[in-house]
Amino acid sequence: MAECTNCSAEVPEGVKFCPNCGAPTEAAAQAPPPG
């Protein structure tokens, strides 16, 4: 499990937004840009 950088909640791997606070996670930051 990853840790949310915003609220420190546990976030499952591959999830794009924290289920606790909704902040974007590392998985969202690593997504390739569209196009």
Protein backbone atom coordinates (compact mmCIF):
# COMPACT_ATOMS: atom_id res chain seq x y z
CA MET A 1 0.00 0.00 0.00
CA ALA A 2 1.08 3.53 -0.74
CA GLU A 3 0.60 6.49 1.58
CA CYS A 4 -1.29 9.64 0.60
CA THR A 5 1.07 12.61 0.49
CA ASN A 6 -1.79 14.90 1.52
CA CYS A 7 -3.45 13.12 4.47
CA SER A 8 -1.15 10.10 5.11
CA ALA A 9 -3.98 7.61 4.66
CA GLU A 10 -3.22 4.20 3.18
CA VAL A 11 -3.95 4.14 -0.56
CA PRO A 12 -4.07 0.88 -2.57
CA GLU A 13 -1.44 0.58 -5.32
CA GLY A 14 -2.64 1.80 -8.71
CA VAL A 15 -5.40 4.01 -7.30
CA LYS A 16 -5.30 7.50 -8.82
CA PHE A 17 -7.03 9.38 -5.99
CA CYS A 18 -6.92 9.00 -2.23
CA PRO A 19 -10.14 7.36 -0.99
CA ASN A 20 -9.92 9.42 2.20
CA CYS A 21 -9.30 12.98 0.95
CA GLY A 22 -9.50 12.70 -2.85
CA ALA A 23 -6.00 14.04 -3.50
CA PRO A 24 -4.21 12.79 -6.63
CA THR A 25 -1.75 9.99 -5.84
CA GLU A 26 1.62 8.96 -7.27
CA ALA A 27 -0.20 6.67 -9.74
CA ALA A 28 -2.04 9.71 -11.12
CA ALA A 29 1.21 11.69 -11.37
CA GLN A 30 2.92 8.88 -13.30
CA ALA A 31 0.15 8.48 -15.91
CA PRO A 32 1.35 9.28 -19.42
CA PRO A 33 -0.05 12.46 -20.91
CA PRO A 34 -2.97 11.98 -23.32
CA GLY A 35 -2.19 12.07 -27.01
